[in-house]
C-alpha atoms as a PDB file:
ATOM      1  CA  UNK A   1      -6.194   3.624  -5.187  1.00  0.00           C
ATOM      2  CA  UNK A   2      -7.162   7.236  -5.774  1.00  0.00           C
ATOM      3  CA  UNK A   3      -8.821   7.546  -2.334  1.00  0.00           C
ATOM      4  CA  UNK A   4      -5.524   6.686  -0.598  1.00  0.00           C
ATOM      5  CA  UNK A   5      -3.295   9.178  -2.465  1.00  0.00           C
ATOM      6  CA  UNK A   6      -3.614  11.900   0.160  1.00  0.00           C
ATOM      7  CA  UNK A   7      -2.916   9.617   3.096  1.00  0.00           C
ATOM      8  CA  UNK A   8       0.416   9.565   4.928  1.00  0.00           C
ATOM      9  CA  UNK A   9      -0.650   6.472   6.857  1.00  0.00           C
ATOM     10  CA  UNK A  10       1.066   3.170   5.911  1.00  0.00           C
ATOM     11  CA  UNK A  11      -1.444   0.352   5.551  1.00  0.00           C
ATOM     12  CA  UNK A  12      -0.314  -3.167   6.496  1.00  0.00           C
ATOM     13  CA  UNK A  13      -2.309  -6.338   5.871  1.00  0.00           C
ATOM     14  CA  UNK A  14      -2.918  -8.620   8.865  1.00  0.00           C
ATOM     15  CA  UNK A  15      -3.491 -12.296   8.300  1.00  0.00           C
ATOM     16  CA  UNK A  16      -2.073 -15.818   8.055  1.00  0.00           C
ATOM     17  CA  UNK A  17      -3.505 -17.037   4.720  1.00  0.00           C
ATOM     18  CA  UNK A  18      -0.729 -17.210   2.130  1.00  0.00           C
ATOM     19  CA  UNK A  19      -3.094 -16.779  -0.813  1.00  0.00           C
ATOM     20  CA  UNK A  20      -4.570 -13.682   0.891  1.00  0.00           C
ATOM     21  CA  UNK A  21      -1.129 -12.327   1.570  1.00  0.00           C
ATOM     22  CA  UNK A  22      -0.140 -12.892  -2.043  1.00  0.00           C
ATOM     23  CA  UNK A  23      -3.255 -11.018  -3.180  1.00  0.00           C
ATOM     24  CA  UNK A  24      -2.506  -8.087  -0.914  1.00  0.00           C
ATOM     25  CA  UNK A  25       1.160  -8.028  -1.987  1.00  0.00           C
ATOM     26  CA  UNK A  26      -0.028  -7.323  -5.514  1.00  0.00           C
ATOM     27  CA  UNK A  27      -1.482  -4.004  -4.254  1.00  0.00           C
ATOM     28  CA  UNK A  28       1.202  -1.343  -4.161  1.00  0.00           C
ATOM     29  CA  UNK A  29      -0.584   0.575  -1.426  1.00  0.00           C
ATOM     30  CA  UNK A  30      -0.051  -2.293   1.041  1.00  0.00           C
ATOM     31  CA  UNK A  31       3.189  -1.339   2.653  1.00  0.00           C
ATOM     32  CA  UNK A  32       3.738  -4.291   4.992  1.00  0.00           C
ATOM     33  CA  UNK A  33       2.278  -7.368   6.667  1.00  0.00           C
ATOM     34  CA  UNK A  34       1.645  -8.656  10.207  1.00  0.00           C
ATOM     35  CA  UNK A  35       0.492 -11.934  11.620  1.00  0.00           C
ATOM     36  CA  UNK A  36       0.275 -13.595  15.031  1.00  0.00           C
ATOM     37  CA  UNK A  37      -0.002 -17.110  16.504  1.00  0.00           C
ATOM     38  CA  UNK A  38      -3.783 -16.856  16.925  1.00  0.00           C
ATOM     39  CA  UNK A  39      -4.359 -16.046  13.260  1.00  0.00           C
ATOM     40  CA  UNK A  40      -1.880 -18.755  12.308  1.00  0.00           C
ATOM     41  CA  UNK A  41      -3.729 -21.369  14.394  1.00  0.00           C
ATOM     42  CA  UNK A  42      -7.079 -20.337  12.896  1.00  0.00           C
ATOM     43  CA  UNK A  43      -5.556 -20.710   9.440  1.00  0.00           C
ATOM     44  CA  UNK A  44      -4.434 -24.257  10.275  1.00  0.00           C
ATOM     45  CA  UNK A  45      -0.700 -23.486  10.221  1.00  0.00           C
ATOM     46  CA  UNK A  46       1.207 -26.437  11.710  1.00  0.00           C
ATOM     47  CA  UNK A  47       4.827 -25.531  10.952  1.00  0.00           C
ATOM     48  CA  UNK A  48       5.641 -22.009  12.138  1.00  0.00           C
ATOM     49  CA  UNK A  49       9.040 -21.607  10.391  1.00  0.00           C
ATOM     50  CA  UNK A  50       7.903 -23.170   7.119  1.00  0.00           C
ATOM     51  CA  UNK A  51       4.954 -20.790   7.015  1.00  0.00           C
ATOM     52  CA  UNK A  52       7.136 -17.778   7.732  1.00  0.00           C
ATOM     53  CA  UNK A  53       9.700 -18.657   5.128  1.00  0.00           C
ATOM     54  CA  UNK A  54       6.921 -19.164   2.542  1.00  0.00           C
ATOM     55  CA  UNK A  55       5.512 -15.762   3.386  1.00  0.00           C
ATOM     56  CA  UNK A  56       8.952 -14.198   2.937  1.00  0.00           C
ATOM     57  CA  UNK A  57       9.188 -15.691  -0.565  1.00  0.00           C
ATOM     58  CA  UNK A  58       5.875 -13.978  -1.350  1.00  0.00           C
ATOM     59  CA  UNK A  59       6.878 -10.748   0.419  1.00  0.00           C
ATOM     60  CA  UNK A  60      10.656 -10.286  -0.049  1.00  0.00           C
ATOM     61  CA  UNK A  61      10.820  -6.532   0.082  1.00  0.00           C
ATOM     62  CA  UNK A  62       8.215  -5.099   2.533  1.00  0.00           C
ATOM     63  CA  UNK A  63       8.141  -5.332   6.316  1.00  0.00           C
ATOM     64  CA  UNK A  64       6.694  -8.539   7.746  1.00  0.00           C
ATOM     65  CA  UNK A  65       6.141  -9.073  11.506  1.00  0.00           C
ATOM     66  CA  UNK A  66       6.391 -12.535  13.089  1.00  0.00           C
ATOM     67  CA  UNK A  67       5.787 -13.091  16.806  1.00  0.00           C
ATOM     68  CA  UNK A  68       7.652 -15.061  19.454  1.00  0.00           C
ATOM     69  CA  UNK A  69       5.437 -17.386  21.393  1.00  0.00           C
ATOM     70  CA  UNK A  70       7.433 -18.382  24.496  1.00  0.00           C
ATOM     71  CA  UNK A  71       6.528 -17.126  27.983  1.00  0.00           C
ATOM     72  CA  UNK A  72      10.027 -17.133  29.548  1.00  0.00           C
ATOM     73  CA  UNK A  73      12.192 -14.239  28.430  1.00  0.00           C
ATOM     74  CA  UNK A  74      15.298 -16.354  27.828  1.00  0.00           C
ATOM     75  CA  UNK A  75      13.379 -18.460  25.355  1.00  0.00           C
ATOM     76  CA  UNK A  76      11.717 -15.385  23.876  1.00  0.00           C
ATOM     77  CA  UNK A  77      15.161 -13.982  23.174  1.00  0.00           C
ATOM     78  CA  UNK A  78      16.327 -17.183  21.487  1.00  0.00           C
ATOM     79  CA  UNK A  79      13.217 -17.217  19.330  1.00  0.00           C
ATOM     80  CA  UNK A  80      13.607 -13.519  18.521  1.00  0.00           C
ATOM     81  CA  UNK A  81      17.153 -13.893  17.255  1.00  0.00           C
ATOM     82  CA  UNK A  82      16.119 -16.903  15.120  1.00  0.00           C
ATOM     83  CA  UNK A  83      13.135 -15.084  13.641  1.00  0.00           C
ATOM     84  CA  UNK A  84      15.215 -12.004  12.932  1.00  0.00           C
ATOM     85  CA  UNK A  85      17.695 -14.181  10.931  1.00  0.00           C
ATOM     86  CA  UNK A  86      14.924 -15.151   8.455  1.00  0.00           C
ATOM     87  CA  UNK A  87      15.109 -11.901   6.538  1.00  0.00           C
ATOM     88  CA  UNK A  88      16.235  -8.301   6.573  1.00  0.00           C
ATOM     89  CA  UNK A  89      12.568  -7.169   6.226  1.00  0.00           C
ATOM     90  CA  UNK A  90      11.494  -9.056   9.394  1.00  0.00           C
ATOM     91  CA  UNK A  91      10.184  -7.313  12.472  1.00  0.00           C
ATOM     92  CA  UNK A  92      10.103  -9.511  15.502  1.00  0.00           C
ATOM     93  CA  UNK A  93       6.911  -9.152  17.569  1.00  0.00           C
ATOM     94  CA  UNK A  94       7.505  -9.155  21.324  1.00  0.00           C
ATOM     95  CA  UNK A  95       4.527  -9.007  23.701  1.00  0.00           C
ATOM     96  CA  UNK A  96       4.645  -6.097  26.117  1.00  0.00           C
ATOM     97  CA  UNK A  97       4.640  -8.567  29.008  1.00  0.00           C
ATOM     98  CA  UNK A  98       4.528 -12.275  29.582  1.00  0.00           C
ATOM     99  CA  UNK A  99       1.514 -14.117  31.041  1.00  0.00           C
ATOM    100  CA  UNK A 100       2.902 -13.493  34.562  1.00  0.00           C
ATOM    101  CA  UNK A 101       2.524  -9.704  34.022  1.00  0.00           C
ATOM    102  CA  UNK A 102       6.276  -9.214  33.884  1.00  0.00           C
ATOM    103  CA  UNK A 103       7.175  -6.292  31.651  1.00  0.00           C
ATOM    104  CA  UNK A 104       9.341  -7.254  28.646  1.00  0.00           C
ATOM    105  CA  UNK A 105      11.494  -4.134  29.058  1.00  0.00           C
ATOM    106  CA  UNK A 106      14.937  -5.771  29.688  1.00  0.00           C
ATOM    107  CA  UNK A 107      14.399  -8.050  26.684  1.00  0.00           C
ATOM    108  CA  UNK A 108      13.309  -5.133  24.513  1.00  0.00           C
ATOM    109  CA  UNK A 109      16.457  -3.276  25.580  1.00  0.00           C
ATOM    110  CA  UNK A 110      18.762  -6.180  24.764  1.00  0.00           C
ATOM    111  CA  UNK A 111      17.184  -6.862  21.365  1.00  0.00           C
ATOM    112  CA  UNK A 112      17.070  -3.175  20.525  1.00  0.00           C
ATOM    113  CA  UNK A 113      20.793  -2.901  21.356  1.00  0.00           C
ATOM    114  CA  UNK A 114      21.480  -5.932  19.141  1.00  0.00           C
ATOM    115  CA  UNK A 115      19.843  -4.199  16.179  1.00  0.00           C
ATOM    116  CA  UNK A 116      16.755  -6.401  15.971  1.00  0.00           C
ATOM    117  CA  UNK A 117      13.824  -4.675  14.313  1.00  0.00           C
ATOM    118  CA  UNK A 118      11.072  -4.959  16.864  1.00  0.00           C
ATOM    119  CA  UNK A 119       7.295  -4.817  16.928  1.00  0.00           C
ATOM    120  CA  UNK A 120       6.128  -4.506  20.551  1.00  0.00           C
ATOM    121  CA  UNK A 121       2.614  -5.923  20.583  1.00  0.00           C
ATOM    122  CA  UNK A 122      -0.517  -6.174  22.780  1.00  0.00           C
ATOM    123  CA  UNK A 123       0.028  -2.627  24.104  1.00  0.00           C
ATOM    124  CA  UNK A 124      -3.042  -0.859  25.516  1.00  0.00           C
ATOM    125  CA  UNK A 125      -1.904   1.764  28.053  1.00  0.00           C
ATOM    126  CA  UNK A 126       0.106   4.923  27.850  1.00  0.00           C
ATOM    127  CA  UNK A 127       2.254   3.699  30.743  1.00  0.00           C
ATOM    128  CA  UNK A 128       3.208   0.708  28.620  1.00  0.00           C
ATOM    129  CA  UNK A 129       4.094   2.988  25.685  1.00  0.00           C
ATOM    130  CA  UNK A 130       6.181   5.208  27.928  1.00  0.00           C
ATOM    131  CA  UNK A 131       8.020   2.251  29.410  1.00  0.00           C
ATOM    132  CA  UNK A 132       8.708   0.789  25.939  1.00  0.00           C
ATOM    133  CA  UNK A 133      10.083   4.099  24.668  1.00  0.00           C
ATOM    134  CA  UNK A 134      12.475   4.133  27.608  1.00  0.00           C
ATOM    135  CA  UNK A 135      13.827   0.745  26.664  1.00  0.00           C
ATOM    136  CA  UNK A 136      14.505   1.470  23.009  1.00  0.00           C
ATOM    137  CA  UNK A 137      18.174   2.127  22.301  1.00  0.00           C
ATOM    138  CA  UNK A 138      18.952   5.409  20.529  1.00  0.00           C
ATOM    139  CA  UNK A 139      17.370   5.586  17.088  1.00  0.00           C
ATOM    140  CA  UNK A 140      16.810   1.793  16.806  1.00  0.00           C
ATOM    141  CA  UNK A 141      13.860   1.065  14.459  1.00  0.00           C
ATOM    142  CA  UNK A 142      10.774  -0.284  16.201  1.00  0.00           C
ATOM    143  CA  UNK A 143       7.006  -0.514  15.838  1.00  0.00           C
ATOM    144  CA  UNK A 144       4.742  -0.084  18.891  1.00  0.00           C
ATOM    145  CA  UNK A 145       1.407  -1.775  18.297  1.00  0.00           C
ATOM    146  CA  UNK A 146      -1.322  -0.227  20.356  1.00  0.00           C
ATOM    147  CA  UNK A 147      -4.537  -2.279  20.188  1.00  0.00           C
ATOM    148  CA  UNK A 148      -6.932   0.577  19.619  1.00  0.00           C
ATOM    149  CA  UNK A 149      -9.737  -1.736  18.572  1.00  0.00           C
ATOM    150  CA  UNK A 150      -9.619  -3.639  21.810  1.00  0.00           C
ATOM    151  CA  UNK A 151      -9.544  -0.415  23.785  1.00  0.00           C
ATOM    152  CA  UNK A 152     -12.728   0.562  21.923  1.00  0.00           C
ATOM    153  CA  UNK A 153     -14.224  -2.847  22.729  1.00  0.00           C
ATOM    154  CA  UNK A 154     -14.159  -1.811  26.431  1.00  0.00           C
ATOM    155  CA  UNK A 155     -16.272   1.306  25.687  1.00  0.00           C
ATOM    156  CA  UNK A 156     -13.323   3.695  25.744  1.00  0.00           C
ATOM    157  CA  UNK A 157     -12.502   6.063  22.884  1.00  0.00           C
ATOM    158  CA  UNK A 158      -9.017   5.095  21.716  1.00  0.00           C
ATOM    159  CA  UNK A 159      -8.298   8.359  19.852  1.00  0.00           C
ATOM    160  CA  UNK A 160      -7.004  10.265  22.898  1.00  0.00           C
ATOM    161  CA  UNK A 161      -4.783   7.326  23.773  1.00  0.00           C
ATOM    162  CA  UNK A 162      -3.363   7.145  20.265  1.00  0.00           C
ATOM    163  CA  UNK A 163      -2.744  10.892  20.098  1.00  0.00           C
ATOM    164  CA  UNK A 164      -0.857  10.846  23.418  1.00  0.00           C
ATOM    165  CA  UNK A 165       1.114   7.781  22.283  1.00  0.00           C
ATOM    166  CA  UNK A 166       2.305   9.666  19.253  1.00  0.00           C
ATOM    167  CA  UNK A 167       3.635  12.398  21.535  1.00  0.00           C
ATOM    168  CA  UNK A 168       5.507   9.858  23.631  1.00  0.00           C
ATOM    169  CA  UNK A 169       7.217   8.506  20.509  1.00  0.00           C
ATOM    170  CA  UNK A 170       8.605  11.886  19.472  1.00  0.00           C
ATOM    171  CA  UNK A 171      11.881  11.219  21.319  1.00  0.00           C
ATOM    172  CA  UNK A 172      12.438   8.065  19.202  1.00  0.00           C
ATOM    173  CA  UNK A 173      12.524   9.160  15.551  1.00  0.00           C
ATOM    174  CA  UNK A 174      12.666   5.619  14.181  1.00  0.00           C
ATOM    175  CA  UNK A 175       9.889   4.298  16.377  1.00  0.00           C
ATOM    176  CA  UNK A 176       6.508   4.076  14.675  1.00  0.00           C
ATOM    177  CA  UNK A 177       3.023   3.830  16.195  1.00  0.00           C
ATOM    178  CA  UNK A 178       0.824   1.106  14.769  1.00  0.00           C
ATOM    179  CA  UNK A 179      -3.014   1.177  15.161  1.00  0.00           C
ATOM    180  CA  UNK A 180      -3.795  -2.504  15.818  1.00  0.00           C
ATOM    181  CA  UNK A 181      -7.112  -4.415  15.772  1.00  0.00           C
ATOM    182  CA  UNK A 182      -9.199  -1.910  13.752  1.00  0.00           C
ATOM    183  CA  UNK A 183     -12.859  -2.770  13.695  1.00  0.00           C
ATOM    184  CA  UNK A 184     -14.108  -0.761  10.723  1.00  0.00           C
ATOM    185  CA  UNK A 185     -12.938   1.269   7.726  1.00  0.00           C
ATOM    186  CA  UNK A 186     -13.439   4.485   9.668  1.00  0.00           C
ATOM    187  CA  UNK A 187     -10.493   3.533  11.853  1.00  0.00           C
ATOM    188  CA  UNK A 188      -8.161   3.903   8.802  1.00  0.00           C
ATOM    189  CA  UNK A 189      -9.406   7.461   8.291  1.00  0.00           C
ATOM    190  CA  UNK A 190      -9.017   8.214  11.987  1.00  0.00           C
ATOM    191  CA  UNK A 191      -5.524   6.843  12.196  1.00  0.00           C
ATOM    192  CA  UNK A 192      -4.469   8.912   9.202  1.00  0.00           C
ATOM    193  CA  UNK A 193      -6.077  12.090  10.523  1.00  0.00           C
ATOM    194  CA  UNK A 194      -4.126  11.975  13.816  1.00  0.00           C
ATOM    195  CA  UNK A 195      -0.817  11.236  12.094  1.00  0.00           C
ATOM    196  CA  UNK A 196      -0.471   7.617  13.145  1.00  0.00           C
ATOM    197  CA  UNK A 197       2.353   5.948  11.238  1.00  0.00           C
ATOM    198  CA  UNK A 198       0.840   2.537  10.469  1.00  0.00           C
ATOM    199  CA  UNK A 199      -2.425   0.632  10.657  1.00  0.00           C
ATOM    200  CA  UNK A 200      -2.726  -3.140  10.167  1.00  0.00           C
ATOM    201  CA  UNK A 201      -6.093  -4.528   9.100  1.00  0.00           C
ATOM    202  CA  UNK A 202      -7.506  -7.852   8.040  1.00  0.00           C
ATOM    203  CA  UNK A 203      -8.517  -8.409   4.428  1.00  0.00           C
ATOM    204  CA  UNK A 204     -12.229  -8.036   5.160  1.00  0.00           C
ATOM    205  CA  UNK A 205     -11.632  -4.406   6.181  1.00  0.00           C
ATOM    206  CA  UNK A 206      -9.083  -3.742   3.434  1.00  0.00           C
ATOM    207  CA  UNK A 207     -11.526  -5.023   0.842  1.00  0.00           C
ATOM    208  CA  UNK A 208     -13.883  -2.130   1.805  1.00  0.00           C
ATOM    209  CA  UNK A 209     -11.391   0.551   0.875  1.00  0.00           C
ATOM    210  CA  UNK A 210     -13.201   1.084  -2.419  1.00  0.00           C
ATOM    211  CA  UNK A 211     -16.015   2.595  -0.332  1.00  0.00           C
ATOM    212  CA  UNK A 212     -13.889   5.598   0.745  1.00  0.00           C
ATOM    213  CA  UNK A 213     -15.630   8.714  -0.504  1.00  0.00           C
ATOM    214  CA  UNK A 214     -18.641   6.856  -1.859  1.00  0.00           C
ATOM    215  CA  UNK A 215     -21.771   9.003  -2.343  1.00  0.00           C
ATOM    216  CA  UNK A 216     -24.243   8.197   0.463  1.00  0.00           C
ATOM    217  CA  UNK A 217     -27.294   8.720  -1.759  1.00  0.00           C
ATOM    218  CA  UNK A 218     -26.018   6.141  -4.207  1.00  0.00           C
ATOM    219  CA  UNK A 219     -25.114   3.821  -1.340  1.00  0.00           C
ATOM    220  CA  UNK A 220     -28.641   4.189  -0.012  1.00  0.00           C
ATOM    221  CA  UNK A 221     -30.115   3.208  -3.370  1.00  0.00           C
ATOM    222  CA  UNK A 222     -27.805   0.197  -3.665  1.00  0.00           C
ATOM    223  CA  UNK A 223     -28.933  -0.900  -0.211  1.00  0.00           C
ATOM    224  CA  UNK A 224     -32.613  -0.638  -1.174  1.00  0.00           C
ATOM    225  CA  UNK A 225     -31.880  -2.586  -4.376  1.00  0.00           C
ATOM    226  CA  UNK A 226     -30.104  -5.273  -2.359  1.00  0.00           C
ATOM    227  CA  UNK A 227     -33.072  -5.804  -0.036  1.00  0.00           C
ATOM    228  CA  UNK A 228     -35.495  -5.940  -2.971  1.00  0.00           C
ATOM    229  CA  UNK A 229     -33.415  -8.388  -4.967  1.00  0.00           C
ATOM    230  CA  UNK A 230     -32.828 -10.660  -1.982  1.00  0.00           C
ATOM    231  CA  UNK A 231     -36.534 -10.714  -1.015  1.00  0.00           C
ATOM    232  CA  UNK A 232     -37.504 -11.442  -4.646  1.00  0.00           C
ATOM    233  CA  UNK A 233     -34.859 -14.195  -4.966  1.00  0.00           C
ATOM    234  CA  UNK A 234     -36.088 -15.790  -1.735  1.00  0.00           C
ATOM    235  CA  UNK A 235     -39.675 -15.787  -3.073  1.00  0.00           C
ATOM    236  CA  UNK A 236     -41.092 -14.126  -0.017  1.00  0.00           C
ATOM    237  CA  UNK A 237     -44.824 -13.377   0.054  1.00  0.00           C
ATOM    238  CA  UNK A 238     -47.189 -11.937   2.681  1.00  0.00           C
ATOM    239  CA  UNK A 239     -50.671 -13.434   2.173  1.00  0.00           C
ATOM    240  CA  UNK A 240     -53.456 -10.924   2.523  1.00  0.00           C
ATOM    241  CA  UNK A 241     -55.964 -12.081   5.151  1.00  0.00           C
ATOM    242  CA  UNK A 242     -57.821  -8.869   5.882  1.00  0.00           C
ATOM    243  CA  UNK A 243     -59.290  -6.032   3.882  1.00  0.00           C
ATOM    244  CA  UNK A 244     -57.214  -4.913   0.897  1.00  0.00           C
ATOM    245  CA  UNK A 245     -55.331  -1.748   1.527  1.00  0.00           C
ATOM    246  CA  UNK A 246     -56.986   1.228  -0.132  1.00  0.00           C
ATOM    247  CA  UNK A 247     -55.126   2.641  -3.125  1.00  0.00           C
END
């Protein structure tokens, strides 16, 4: 897409619908894919591994992130090694902590040392970013997914957080910052402007990319036309019960 040519940001597609993933794979400007157990459950996925292997047949040559779902670190590690074995383009998503608030650092360190491509997920604080960076081994490749959209949901501007997170990643040249949970198309522009490495977005946001750079005057007219056409199609009328309006 012409509007994306000047962007350095890598755009990933986030979802669990195989047909939607296939449609996004056909677009060369989609550089990778992410999913998570919540999206998979909403999509009615019953067999985790079968779904993942099907996705990898659709996406054999771009990064795909699949998440562990255990709460004990020993089982997380077992799942992580299994998921990593499914393909060379797989990133294993590890939550920044378990449900008991225990930081996943030791596990991150072991998996990083083993050469597993990681995607540390559900990150929302700079302390978490700093702690994760300290656990990455050397120049091991990794993605750190900061949920900027959820930060914004709390009434806090995520931009300062994302800018500072980028600074913290400078000591890890193969670690990339991912803007997670975007809420609107503007977030893609914002992520690119600050130098974020990756953003992952659902298809409903990605399908709005054609609006980048659209003339606002034309968009205004299209909106007026939409309201008029819908009111006409609905057959709305307002009966006149008083004096006619002077013309």
